[in-house]
Amino acid sequence: MRGHALVFEETVVEVPVHLAARPFSPAATWGCRTIQYPVVSQLPHAMLDAHSLLKTLPLQIASQLASAIAKGDFGPGHRFRENELAEGFGVSRASIREALRLLEMRGMVNILPQKGARVTQLSSKELHDLFAIRASLLATCSRLAAEQCDDAKAKQLSALLEKLASTVSDTDKYVEQSARLIALIAEMSDNPTLVGYVDDLALRIGRYVRMGLTAEERRRRSLATWTELVSAIIRHDAETASQLHYRLAIQNRDAALKTFEEQ
């Protein structure tokens, strides 16, 4: 896909041409050259990727911001400025406002009149509530995936598990890869409604999930459970797969709670 580049500090990212929702500045140039916008210093990887084109523009932006919040780029209490985000993403302020409303619906920001949007505070109650939902949803996904797993999906699962193992020493990469495994298992459930719930919860629970995987020892324990889980799905052991994914979520919850209490 042809595109042009937005520059965020020292990072250049490709953005499809038709995603720019506002007129380009007079300094903008076309072809293989870049278009430079004001720096969004706390969001160096802000981008609207081609893979997300099936999503609405505000949802793409909300997903990017949710990911940044989960990584700690924007901590509790951080104030988002619409004009800065609009410049950074190369979109209209209306798209930014809608993205922030989506994050508010998911409990990730609070929007106050005249004060804008601020990242919500973390809480042990929310942590428990979200993981209770996550454990049940993912247990159901794995049970359905095991019932319907074929050779092609088995190969995909095995390949993703190998990639997960290769990232165990890196928190961000491990979290990203485990999310891909979850997405594949949810897809294998062949239940669009369930997939929608899983995707929606992923935005809200992301910062807690990462919190539970910050220690390498915890990631290695997670990997061991993932290995058992993938094996159970491939051999069509639906009950074991369901139990293992429920256990995996609860282990992550307990680790996240420990990290939260130590902060």
C-alpha atoms as a PDB file:
ATOM      1  CA  MET A   1       0.000   0.000   0.000  1.00  0.00           C
ATOM      2  CA  ARG A   2       1.329   3.430  -0.927  1.00  0.00           C
ATOM      3  CA  GLY A   3       1.743   5.755   1.995  1.00  0.00           C
ATOM      4  CA  HIS A   4       3.656   8.637   3.434  1.00  0.00           C
ATOM      5  CA  ALA A   5       5.590   8.853   6.652  1.00  0.00           C
ATOM      6  CA  LEU A   6       4.917  10.680   9.873  1.00  0.00           C
ATOM      7  CA  VAL A   7       7.959  11.463  11.969  1.00  0.00           C
ATOM      8  CA  PHE A   8       7.753  11.126  15.749  1.00  0.00           C
ATOM      9  CA  GLU A   9      11.066  12.278  17.221  1.00  0.00           C
ATOM     10  CA  GLU A  10      13.520   9.783  15.641  1.00  0.00           C
ATOM     11  CA  THR A  11      10.874   7.240  14.625  1.00  0.00           C
ATOM     12  CA  VAL A  12       9.414   7.114  11.102  1.00  0.00           C
ATOM     13  CA  VAL A  13       6.175   5.192  10.653  1.00  0.00           C
ATOM     14  CA  GLU A  14       4.186   4.451   7.487  1.00  0.00           C
ATOM     15  CA  VAL A  15       0.577   5.650   7.364  1.00  0.00           C
ATOM     16  CA  PRO A  16      -1.802   5.011   4.428  1.00  0.00           C
ATOM     17  CA  VAL A  17      -2.433   8.207   2.467  1.00  0.00           C
ATOM     18  CA  HIS A  18      -6.198   8.229   2.828  1.00  0.00           C
ATOM     19  CA  LEU A  19      -6.107   7.972   6.627  1.00  0.00           C
ATOM     20  CA  ALA A  20      -5.000  11.591   7.056  1.00  0.00           C
ATOM     21  CA  ALA A  21      -8.265  13.197   8.075  1.00  0.00           C
ATOM     22  CA  ARG A  22      -7.158  16.823   7.951  1.00  0.00           C
ATOM     23  CA  PRO A  23      -5.423  18.966   5.324  1.00  0.00           C
ATOM     24  CA  PHE A  24      -1.673  18.648   5.259  1.00  0.00           C
ATOM     25  CA  SER A  25       0.484  21.573   6.266  1.00  0.00           C
ATOM     26  CA  PRO A  26       2.100  23.751   3.600  1.00  0.00           C
ATOM     27  CA  ALA A  27       5.378  21.996   4.349  1.00  0.00           C
ATOM     28  CA  ALA A  28       3.955  18.615   3.407  1.00  0.00           C
ATOM     29  CA  THR A  29       5.471  16.846   0.417  1.00  0.00           C
ATOM     30  CA  TRP A  30       4.420  13.728  -1.449  1.00  0.00           C
ATOM     31  CA  GLY A  31       6.088  10.685  -2.935  1.00  0.00           C
ATOM     32  CA  CYS A  32       8.878   9.024  -1.000  1.00  0.00           C
ATOM     33  CA  ARG A  33       9.561  12.016   1.192  1.00  0.00           C
ATOM     34  CA  THR A  34       8.217  12.579   4.698  1.00  0.00           C
ATOM     35  CA  ILE A  35       5.626  14.824   6.277  1.00  0.00           C
ATOM     36  CA  GLN A  36       6.715  16.159   9.648  1.00  0.00           C
ATOM     37  CA  TYR A  37       4.193  17.040  12.319  1.00  0.00           C
ATOM     38  CA  PRO A  38       4.758  18.482  15.793  1.00  0.00           C
ATOM     39  CA  VAL A  39       6.370  15.948  18.093  1.00  0.00           C
ATOM     40  CA  VAL A  40       4.211  13.860  20.403  1.00  0.00           C
ATOM     41  CA  SER A  41       7.103  13.072  22.688  1.00  0.00           C
ATOM     42  CA  GLN A  42       5.318  10.581  24.917  1.00  0.00           C
ATOM     43  CA  LEU A  43       3.903   8.531  22.033  1.00  0.00           C
ATOM     44  CA  PRO A  44       6.885   7.717  19.821  1.00  0.00           C
ATOM     45  CA  HIS A  45       5.159   4.789  18.142  1.00  0.00           C
ATOM     46  CA  ALA A  46       1.815   6.453  17.345  1.00  0.00           C
ATOM     47  CA  MET A  47       0.644   5.090  14.030  1.00  0.00           C
ATOM     48  CA  LEU A  48      -2.411   3.965  12.090  1.00  0.00           C
ATOM     49  CA  ASP A  49      -1.333   0.706  10.513  1.00  0.00           C
ATOM     50  CA  ALA A  50      -2.649  -0.875   7.359  1.00  0.00           C
ATOM     51  CA  HIS A  51      -3.573  -4.052   9.250  1.00  0.00           C
ATOM     52  CA  SER A  52      -6.127  -2.011  11.234  1.00  0.00           C
ATOM     53  CA  LEU A  53      -7.967  -0.641   8.220  1.00  0.00           C
ATOM     54  CA  LEU A  54     -10.959  -2.838   8.979  1.00  0.00           C
ATOM     55  CA  LYS A  55     -11.447  -0.845  12.174  1.00  0.00           C
ATOM     56  CA  THR A  56     -12.915   2.634  12.319  1.00  0.00           C
ATOM     57  CA  LEU A  57     -10.417   5.463  12.566  1.00  0.00           C
ATOM     58  CA  PRO A  58     -11.314   6.389  16.201  1.00  0.00           C
ATOM     59  CA  LEU A  59     -11.030   2.738  17.202  1.00  0.00           C
ATOM     60  CA  GLN A  60      -7.558   2.516  15.652  1.00  0.00           C
ATOM     61  CA  ILE A  61      -6.506   5.573  17.641  1.00  0.00           C
ATOM     62  CA  ALA A  62      -8.103   4.254  20.835  1.00  0.00           C
ATOM     63  CA  SER A  63      -6.225   0.966  20.393  1.00  0.00           C
ATOM     64  CA  GLN A  64      -2.922   2.810  19.981  1.00  0.00           C
ATOM     65  CA  LEU A  65      -3.545   4.927  23.072  1.00  0.00           C
ATOM     66  CA  ALA A  66      -4.690   1.911  25.082  1.00  0.00           C
ATOM     67  CA  SER A  67      -1.480   0.106  24.169  1.00  0.00           C
ATOM     68  CA  ALA A  68       0.581   3.113  25.252  1.00  0.00           C
ATOM     69  CA  ILE A  69      -1.327   3.314  28.545  1.00  0.00           C
ATOM     70  CA  ALA A  70      -0.752  -0.409  29.137  1.00  0.00           C
ATOM     71  CA  LYS A  71       3.005   0.058  28.595  1.00  0.00           C
ATOM     72  CA  GLY A  72       3.085   2.914  31.070  1.00  0.00           C
ATOM     73  CA  ASP A  73       3.823   5.627  28.501  1.00  0.00           C
ATOM     74  CA  PHE A  74       0.857   7.501  29.940  1.00  0.00           C
ATOM     75  CA  GLY A  75       0.524   6.970  33.678  1.00  0.00           C
ATOM     76  CA  PRO A  76      -2.539   7.430  35.909  1.00  0.00           C
ATOM     77  CA  GLY A  77      -3.586  11.075  35.922  1.00  0.00           C
ATOM     78  CA  HIS A  78      -1.941  11.928  32.599  1.00  0.00           C
ATOM     79  CA  ARG A  79      -3.908  14.544  30.676  1.00  0.00           C
ATOM     80  CA  PHE A  80      -4.450  14.031  26.963  1.00  0.00           C
ATOM     81  CA  ARG A  81      -4.460  17.185  24.838  1.00  0.00           C
ATOM     82  CA  GLU A  82      -6.695  16.868  21.802  1.00  0.00           C
ATOM     83  CA  ASN A  83      -4.747  19.245  19.591  1.00  0.00           C
ATOM     84  CA  GLU A  84      -1.435  17.490  20.272  1.00  0.00           C
ATOM     85  CA  LEU A  85      -2.893  14.046  19.590  1.00  0.00           C
ATOM     86  CA  ALA A  86      -4.600  15.300  16.431  1.00  0.00           C
ATOM     87  CA  GLU A  87      -1.292  16.647  15.150  1.00  0.00           C
ATOM     88  CA  GLY A  88       0.578  13.485  16.086  1.00  0.00           C
ATOM     89  CA  PHE A  89      -1.864  11.115  14.408  1.00  0.00           C
ATOM     90  CA  GLY A  90      -2.572  13.433  11.482  1.00  0.00           C
ATOM     91  CA  VAL A  91      -6.335  13.339  12.018  1.00  0.00           C
ATOM     92  CA  SER A  92      -9.110  15.729  13.021  1.00  0.00           C
ATOM     93  CA  ARG A  93      -9.848  16.644  16.622  1.00  0.00           C
ATOM     94  CA  ALA A  94     -13.282  15.071  16.147  1.00  0.00           C
ATOM     95  CA  SER A  95     -11.619  11.674  15.580  1.00  0.00           C
ATOM     96  CA  ILE A  96      -9.511  12.185  18.698  1.00  0.00           C
ATOM     97  CA  ARG A  97     -12.556  13.101  20.784  1.00  0.00           C
ATOM     98  CA  GLU A  98     -14.358   9.949  19.626  1.00  0.00           C
ATOM     99  CA  ALA A  99     -11.282   7.832  20.422  1.00  0.00           C
ATOM    100  CA  LEU A 100     -11.137   9.306  23.927  1.00  0.00           C
ATOM    101  CA  ARG A 101     -14.843   8.574  24.401  1.00  0.00           C
ATOM    102  CA  LEU A 102     -14.160   4.947  23.483  1.00  0.00           C
ATOM    103  CA  LEU A 103     -11.419   4.832  26.117  1.00  0.00           C
ATOM    104  CA  GLU A 104     -13.789   6.387  28.650  1.00  0.00           C
ATOM    105  CA  MET A 105     -16.371   3.686  27.914  1.00  0.00           C
ATOM    106  CA  ARG A 106     -13.678   1.118  28.712  1.00  0.00           C
ATOM    107  CA  GLY A 107     -12.755   2.811  31.967  1.00  0.00           C
ATOM    108  CA  MET A 108      -9.299   3.894  30.835  1.00  0.00           C
ATOM    109  CA  VAL A 109      -9.815   7.654  30.952  1.00  0.00           C
ATOM    110  CA  ASN A 110     -12.121  10.106  32.676  1.00  0.00           C
ATOM    111  CA  ILE A 111     -13.419  13.044  30.629  1.00  0.00           C
ATOM    112  CA  LEU A 112     -14.318  16.129  32.667  1.00  0.00           C
ATOM    113  CA  PRO A 113     -15.833  19.382  31.315  1.00  0.00           C
ATOM    114  CA  GLN A 114     -13.178  22.050  30.747  1.00  0.00           C
ATOM    115  CA  LYS A 115     -10.479  19.669  32.016  1.00  0.00           C
ATOM    116  CA  GLY A 116     -10.187  17.170  29.196  1.00  0.00           C
ATOM    117  CA  ALA A 117      -9.385  13.460  29.446  1.00  0.00           C
ATOM    118  CA  ARG A 118      -7.125  11.972  32.083  1.00  0.00           C
ATOM    119  CA  VAL A 119      -5.914   8.388  32.496  1.00  0.00           C
ATOM    120  CA  THR A 120      -7.801   6.648  35.295  1.00  0.00           C
ATOM    121  CA  GLN A 121      -6.205   5.442  38.484  1.00  0.00           C
ATOM    122  CA  LEU A 122      -5.466   1.754  38.989  1.00  0.00           C
ATOM    123  CA  SER A 123      -7.382  -0.142  41.662  1.00  0.00           C
ATOM    124  CA  SER A 124      -7.262  -3.630  43.159  1.00  0.00           C
ATOM    125  CA  LYS A 125     -11.062  -3.874  42.861  1.00  0.00           C
ATOM    126  CA  GLU A 126     -10.974  -3.222  39.135  1.00  0.00           C
ATOM    127  CA  LEU A 127      -8.084  -5.664  38.769  1.00  0.00           C
ATOM    128  CA  HIS A 128     -10.097  -8.459  40.445  1.00  0.00           C
ATOM    129  CA  ASP A 129     -13.252  -7.639  38.488  1.00  0.00           C
ATOM    130  CA  LEU A 130     -11.562  -7.580  35.075  1.00  0.00           C
ATOM    131  CA  PHE A 131      -9.600 -10.780  35.595  1.00  0.00           C
ATOM    132  CA  ALA A 132     -12.746 -12.592  36.777  1.00  0.00           C
ATOM    133  CA  ILE A 133     -14.327 -11.784  33.415  1.00  0.00           C
ATOM    134  CA  ARG A 134     -11.130 -12.504  31.473  1.00  0.00           C
ATOM    135  CA  ALA A 135     -10.671 -15.939  33.059  1.00  0.00           C
ATOM    136  CA  SER A 136     -14.182 -17.031  32.111  1.00  0.00           C
ATOM    137  CA  LEU A 137     -14.014 -15.643  28.576  1.00  0.00           C
ATOM    138  CA  LEU A 138     -10.642 -17.191  27.758  1.00  0.00           C
ATOM    139  CA  ALA A 139     -11.578 -20.541  29.298  1.00  0.00           C
ATOM    140  CA  THR A 140     -14.579 -20.628  26.973  1.00  0.00           C
ATOM    141  CA  CYS A 141     -12.443 -19.625  23.981  1.00  0.00           C
ATOM    142  CA  SER A 142      -9.964 -22.431  24.600  1.00  0.00           C
ATOM    143  CA  ARG A 143     -12.681 -25.024  25.083  1.00  0.00           C
ATOM    144  CA  LEU A 144     -14.311 -24.106  21.761  1.00  0.00           C
ATOM    145  CA  ALA A 145     -10.929 -23.862  20.028  1.00  0.00           C
ATOM    146  CA  ALA A 146     -10.003 -27.375  21.175  1.00  0.00           C
ATOM    147  CA  GLU A 147     -13.273 -28.739  19.861  1.00  0.00           C
ATOM    148  CA  GLN A 148     -12.643 -27.267  16.406  1.00  0.00           C
ATOM    149  CA  CYS A 149      -8.864 -27.289  16.014  1.00  0.00           C
ATOM    150  CA  ASP A 150      -7.640 -28.577  12.640  1.00  0.00           C
ATOM    151  CA  ASP A 151      -4.137 -29.213  11.295  1.00  0.00           C
ATOM    152  CA  ALA A 152      -3.745 -25.725   9.861  1.00  0.00           C
ATOM    153  CA  LYS A 153      -4.691 -24.038  13.131  1.00  0.00           C
ATOM    154  CA  ALA A 154      -2.508 -26.459  15.078  1.00  0.00           C
ATOM    155  CA  LYS A 155       0.489 -25.337  13.012  1.00  0.00           C
ATOM    156  CA  GLN A 156      -0.362 -21.693  13.632  1.00  0.00           C
ATOM    157  CA  LEU A 157      -0.638 -22.286  17.365  1.00  0.00           C
ATOM    158  CA  SER A 158       2.689 -24.109  17.469  1.00  0.00           C
ATOM    159  CA  ALA A 159       4.402 -21.343  15.501  1.00  0.00           C
ATOM    160  CA  LEU A 160       3.059 -18.634  17.792  1.00  0.00           C
ATOM    161  CA  LEU A 161       4.072 -20.632  20.854  1.00  0.00           C
ATOM    162  CA  GLU A 162       7.631 -20.821  19.522  1.00  0.00           C
ATOM    163  CA  LYS A 163       7.654 -17.054  19.043  1.00  0.00           C
ATOM    164  CA  LEU A 164       6.309 -16.600  22.572  1.00  0.00           C
ATOM    165  CA  ALA A 165       9.155 -18.701  23.960  1.00  0.00           C
ATOM    166  CA  SER A 166      11.681 -16.555  22.095  1.00  0.00           C
ATOM    167  CA  THR A 167      10.402 -13.398  23.807  1.00  0.00           C
ATOM    168  CA  VAL A 168      10.400 -14.608  27.413  1.00  0.00           C
ATOM    169  CA  SER A 169      13.255 -12.277  28.359  1.00  0.00           C
ATOM    170  CA  ASP A 170      11.429  -9.162  27.104  1.00  0.00           C
ATOM    171  CA  THR A 171       8.268  -7.950  28.856  1.00  0.00           C
ATOM    172  CA  ASP A 172       6.793  -5.890  26.012  1.00  0.00           C
ATOM    173  CA  LYS A 173       7.429  -8.509  23.346  1.00  0.00           C
ATOM    174  CA  TYR A 174       6.094 -11.301  25.549  1.00  0.00           C
ATOM    175  CA  VAL A 175       2.882  -9.385  26.284  1.00  0.00           C
ATOM    176  CA  GLU A 176       2.443  -8.644  22.579  1.00  0.00           C
ATOM    177  CA  GLN A 177       3.026 -12.251  21.553  1.00  0.00           C
ATOM    178  CA  SER A 178       0.709 -13.689  24.195  1.00  0.00           C
ATOM    179  CA  ALA A 179      -1.979 -11.291  22.944  1.00  0.00           C
ATOM    180  CA  ARG A 180      -1.534 -12.755  19.455  1.00  0.00           C
ATOM    181  CA  LEU A 181      -1.996 -16.255  20.799  1.00  0.00           C
ATOM    182  CA  ILE A 182      -5.156 -15.190  22.585  1.00  0.00           C
ATOM    183  CA  ALA A 183      -6.447 -13.548  19.402  1.00  0.00           C
ATOM    184  CA  LEU A 184      -5.882 -16.749  17.421  1.00  0.00           C
ATOM    185  CA  ILE A 185      -7.584 -18.913  20.045  1.00  0.00           C
ATOM    186  CA  ALA A 186     -10.535 -16.516  20.161  1.00  0.00           C
ATOM    187  CA  GLU A 187     -10.766 -16.658  16.356  1.00  0.00           C
ATOM    188  CA  MET A 188     -10.707 -20.467  16.506  1.00  0.00           C
ATOM    189  CA  SER A 189     -13.785 -20.415  18.748  1.00  0.00           C
ATOM    190  CA  ASP A 190     -15.775 -19.429  15.639  1.00  0.00           C
ATOM    191  CA  ASN A 191     -17.956 -17.240  17.857  1.00  0.00           C
ATOM    192  CA  PRO A 192     -17.922 -13.590  16.719  1.00  0.00           C
ATOM    193  CA  THR A 193     -19.778 -12.397  19.818  1.00  0.00           C
ATOM    194  CA  LEU A 194     -17.227 -14.006  22.103  1.00  0.00           C
ATOM    195  CA  VAL A 195     -14.380 -12.557  20.031  1.00  0.00           C
ATOM    196  CA  GLY A 196     -15.934  -9.104  20.403  1.00  0.00           C
ATOM    197  CA  TYR A 197     -16.041  -9.417  24.186  1.00  0.00           C
ATOM    198  CA  VAL A 198     -12.426 -10.606  24.309  1.00  0.00           C
ATOM    199  CA  ASP A 199     -11.215  -7.765  22.078  1.00  0.00           C
ATOM    200  CA  ASP A 200     -13.126  -5.159  24.051  1.00  0.00           C
ATOM    201  CA  LEU A 201     -11.797  -6.378  27.389  1.00  0.00           C
ATOM    202  CA  ALA A 202      -8.239  -6.510  26.052  1.00  0.00           C
ATOM    203  CA  LEU A 203      -8.154  -2.712  25.754  1.00  0.00           C
ATOM    204  CA  ARG A 204      -9.269  -2.195  29.329  1.00  0.00           C
ATOM    205  CA  ILE A 205      -7.246  -4.897  31.048  1.00  0.00           C
ATOM    206  CA  GLY A 206      -3.996  -4.376  29.136  1.00  0.00           C
ATOM    207  CA  ARG A 207      -2.106  -2.427  31.809  1.00  0.00           C
ATOM    208  CA  TYR A 208      -3.009  -5.003  34.460  1.00  0.00           C
ATOM    209  CA  VAL A 209      -1.941  -7.890  32.217  1.00  0.00           C
ATOM    210  CA  ARG A 210       1.437  -6.279  31.659  1.00  0.00           C
ATOM    211  CA  MET A 211       1.776  -5.649  35.386  1.00  0.00           C
ATOM    212  CA  GLY A 212       1.397  -9.382  35.988  1.00  0.00           C
ATOM    213  CA  LEU A 213       4.155 -10.223  33.509  1.00  0.00           C
ATOM    214  CA  THR A 214       6.890  -7.769  34.484  1.00  0.00           C
ATOM    215  CA  ALA A 215       9.023 -10.396  36.252  1.00  0.00           C
ATOM    216  CA  GLU A 216      10.892 -12.878  34.048  1.00  0.00           C
ATOM    217  CA  GLU A 217      10.226 -15.698  36.520  1.00  0.00           C
ATOM    218  CA  ARG A 218       6.507 -15.006  36.129  1.00  0.00           C
ATOM    219  CA  ARG A 219       6.804 -15.035  32.309  1.00  0.00           C
ATOM    220  CA  ARG A 220       8.575 -18.386  32.387  1.00  0.00           C
ATOM    221  CA  ARG A 221       5.815 -19.809  34.542  1.00  0.00           C
ATOM    222  CA  SER A 222       3.302 -18.348  32.113  1.00  0.00           C
ATOM    223  CA  LEU A 223       5.141 -19.959  29.196  1.00  0.00           C
ATOM    224  CA  ALA A 224       5.002 -23.367  30.875  1.00  0.00           C
ATOM    225  CA  THR A 225       1.226 -23.067  31.229  1.00  0.00           C
ATOM    226  CA  TRP A 226       0.892 -21.821  27.658  1.00  0.00           C
ATOM    227  CA  THR A 227       2.806 -24.880  26.459  1.00  0.00           C
ATOM    228  CA  GLU A 228       0.375 -27.199  28.236  1.00  0.00           C
ATOM    229  CA  LEU A 229      -2.576 -25.190  26.965  1.00  0.00           C
ATOM    230  CA  VAL A 230      -1.567 -25.282  23.299  1.00  0.00           C
ATOM    231  CA  SER A 231      -0.924 -29.024  23.579  1.00  0.00           C
ATOM    232  CA  ALA A 232      -4.405 -29.565  25.025  1.00  0.00           C
ATOM    233  CA  ILE A 233      -6.054 -27.568  22.231  1.00  0.00           C
ATOM    234  CA  ILE A 234      -4.152 -29.431  19.502  1.00  0.00           C
ATOM    235  CA  ARG A 235      -5.120 -32.840  20.892  1.00  0.00           C
ATOM    236  CA  HIS A 236      -8.780 -31.714  21.207  1.00  0.00           C
ATOM    237  CA  ASP A 237      -8.860 -31.985  25.013  1.00  0.00           C
ATOM    238  CA  ALA A 238     -11.465 -29.263  25.500  1.00  0.00           C
ATOM    239  CA  GLU A 239     -11.934 -29.635  29.249  1.00  0.00           C
ATOM    240  CA  THR A 240      -8.206 -29.506  30.030  1.00  0.00           C
ATOM    241  CA  ALA A 241      -7.722 -26.548  27.680  1.00  0.00           C
ATOM    242  CA  SER A 242     -10.506 -24.654  29.414  1.00  0.00           C
ATOM    243  CA  GLN A 243      -9.077 -25.348  32.869  1.00  0.00           C
ATOM    244  CA  LEU A 244      -5.558 -24.366  31.837  1.00  0.00           C
ATOM    245  CA  HIS A 245      -6.592 -21.047  30.335  1.00  0.00           C
ATOM    246  CA  TYR A 246      -8.644 -20.233  33.409  1.00  0.00           C
ATOM    247  CA  ARG A 247      -5.596 -21.040  35.550  1.00  0.00           C
ATOM    248  CA  LEU A 248      -3.351 -18.922  33.342  1.00  0.00           C
ATOM    249  CA  ALA A 249      -5.612 -15.891  33.798  1.00  0.00           C
ATOM    250  CA  ILE A 250      -5.798 -16.358  37.568  1.00  0.00           C
ATOM    251  CA  GLN A 251      -2.014 -16.691  37.805  1.00  0.00           C
ATOM    252  CA  ASN A 252      -1.674 -13.434  35.900  1.00  0.00           C
ATOM    253  CA  ARG A 253      -4.212 -11.792  38.207  1.00  0.00           C
ATOM    254  CA  ASP A 254      -2.336 -12.860  41.332  1.00  0.00           C
ATOM    255  CA  ALA A 255       0.996 -11.670  39.931  1.00  0.00           C
ATOM    256  CA  ALA A 256      -0.523  -8.346  38.875  1.00  0.00           C
ATOM    257  CA  LEU A 257      -2.059  -7.857  42.318  1.00  0.00           C
ATOM    258  CA  LYS A 258       1.288  -8.519  43.978  1.00  0.00           C
ATOM    259  CA  THR A 259       2.990  -5.961  41.730  1.00  0.00           C
ATOM    260  CA  PHE A 260       0.193  -3.462  42.364  1.00  0.00           C
ATOM    261  CA  GLU A 261       0.483  -3.800  46.131  1.00  0.00           C
ATOM    262  CA  GLU A 262       4.249  -3.362  45.983  1.00  0.00           C
ATOM    263  CA  GLN A 263       4.038  -0.080  44.075  1.00  0.00           C
END
